[in-house]
Amino acid sequence: MAFSQALVEQVCPCAAKVAGRVYPVNHPGPGQPAAFSMDLVRQVADVLTAYDFPLIEDDSPDWYALVWCLWRYCYGHSPYGRHTQHPGNAGDDPASECGTGGQA
């Protein structure tokens, strides 16, 4: 199966299963320095702007979308998050702690 066919048949978070991928990497544990930072996100946003894409301003919806996409690219997809519930927290609003005031 061709690489492009493998990607077409899988959703983005599953693309990590395609042979030859280095990313996603393991998230650094507590006390370990994290390579992921808002400075990294700003540098990627600036590269996009340098290539004539629209400016991505800090604290904008596009900024947070870029943060999330880069995070998922670097560290992978977690099945728990804003739009899902951890089985141990059934009934809790997963969006209540994401800065949207509980609005998903």
Protein backbone atom coordinates (compact mmCIF):
# COMPACT_ATOMS: atom_id res chain seq x y z
CA MET A 1 0.00 0.00 0.00
CA ALA A 2 1.35 3.43 -0.91
CA PHE A 3 2.10 5.89 1.88
CA SER A 4 -0.54 8.34 0.62
CA GLN A 5 -3.15 5.57 0.53
CA ALA A 6 -2.32 4.64 4.11
CA LEU A 7 -2.88 8.24 5.20
CA VAL A 8 -6.11 8.56 3.26
CA GLU A 9 -7.49 5.49 4.98
CA GLN A 10 -6.62 6.76 8.45
CA VAL A 11 -7.65 9.79 10.47
CA CYS A 12 -4.80 12.22 11.26
CA PRO A 13 -4.11 11.03 14.84
CA CYS A 14 -3.76 7.49 13.52
CA ALA A 15 -1.12 8.55 10.98
CA ALA A 16 1.49 7.90 13.68
CA LYS A 17 1.04 4.19 12.95
CA VAL A 18 2.46 4.60 9.44
CA ALA A 19 5.94 3.05 9.24
CA GLY A 20 8.84 5.48 9.26
CA ARG A 21 7.29 8.23 11.37
CA VAL A 22 9.44 9.74 14.13
CA TYR A 23 6.64 11.88 15.55
CA PRO A 24 4.80 11.89 17.85
CA VAL A 25 7.46 11.74 20.54
CA ASN A 26 6.89 10.96 24.21
CA HIS A 27 5.86 13.91 26.31
CA PRO A 28 8.58 14.87 28.80
CA GLY A 29 7.78 13.74 32.32
CA PRO A 30 7.49 15.92 35.40
CA GLY A 31 10.68 17.82 36.13
CA GLN A 32 12.01 17.38 32.60
CA PRO A 33 12.36 20.39 30.30
CA ALA A 34 9.69 20.54 27.62
CA ALA A 35 10.73 21.51 24.10
CA PHE A 36 7.17 22.68 23.36
CA SER A 37 6.55 26.32 24.26
CA MET A 38 4.59 29.35 23.17
CA ASP A 39 7.86 30.64 21.67
CA LEU A 40 7.86 27.60 19.36
CA VAL A 41 4.28 28.34 18.34
CA ARG A 42 5.15 32.01 17.68
CA GLN A 43 8.12 30.99 15.51
CA VAL A 44 5.94 28.62 13.44
CA ALA A 45 3.29 31.34 13.09
CA ASP A 46 5.98 33.79 11.94
CA VAL A 47 7.26 31.30 9.35
CA LEU A 48 3.73 30.98 7.97
CA THR A 49 3.44 34.77 7.78
CA ALA A 50 6.83 34.97 6.02
CA TYR A 51 5.39 32.67 3.35
CA ASP A 52 2.47 35.07 2.75
CA PHE A 53 -0.07 33.32 4.95
CA PRO A 54 -2.22 35.62 7.10
CA LEU A 55 -0.77 36.88 10.38
CA ILE A 56 -1.68 34.75 13.40
CA GLU A 57 -2.15 37.00 16.40
CA ASP A 58 -1.56 35.84 19.96
CA ASP A 59 -4.68 34.90 21.93
CA SER A 60 -6.80 34.50 18.78
CA PRO A 61 -8.78 31.43 17.72
CA ASP A 62 -6.16 30.76 15.02
CA TRP A 63 -3.40 30.96 17.64
CA TYR A 64 -5.05 28.31 19.80
CA ALA A 65 -5.78 26.12 16.77
CA LEU A 66 -2.07 26.27 15.85
CA VAL A 67 -1.06 25.47 19.45
CA TRP A 68 -3.32 22.42 19.45
CA CYS A 69 -2.19 21.21 16.01
CA LEU A 70 1.50 21.55 16.89
CA TRP A 71 0.95 19.84 20.23
CA ARG A 72 -0.80 16.92 18.54
CA TYR A 73 1.91 16.72 15.91
CA CYS A 74 4.70 16.69 18.52
CA TYR A 75 3.09 14.56 21.23
CA GLY A 76 0.21 12.80 19.54
CA HIS A 77 -3.50 12.59 20.18
CA SER A 78 -4.98 11.91 23.58
CA PRO A 79 -8.40 10.27 23.58
CA TYR A 80 -9.36 12.50 26.52
CA GLY A 81 -9.74 16.23 26.28
CA ARG A 82 -12.06 19.08 25.61
CA HIS A 83 -14.61 17.13 23.58
CA THR A 84 -14.48 13.84 25.45
CA GLN A 85 -14.81 12.69 29.01
CA HIS A 86 -12.39 10.57 30.98
CA PRO A 87 -14.29 7.50 32.21
CA GLY A 88 -13.35 8.36 35.80
CA ASN A 89 -14.96 11.80 35.51
CA ALA A 90 -18.31 10.90 34.02
CA GLY A 91 -20.65 13.84 34.30
CA ASP A 92 -17.91 16.50 34.46
CA ASP A 93 -17.89 19.11 31.72
CA PRO A 94 -14.59 18.57 29.87
CA ALA A 95 -14.68 22.16 28.58
CA SER A 96 -15.02 23.70 32.02
CA GLU A 97 -11.26 24.00 32.50
CA CYS A 98 -10.22 24.91 28.96
CA GLY A 99 -10.72 28.66 29.16
CA THR A 100 -14.02 28.73 27.30
CA GLY A 101 -16.19 29.09 30.36
CA GLY A 102 -17.64 25.65 29.82
CA GLN A 103 -18.64 26.40 26.25
CA ALA A 104 -17.50 23.52 24.04
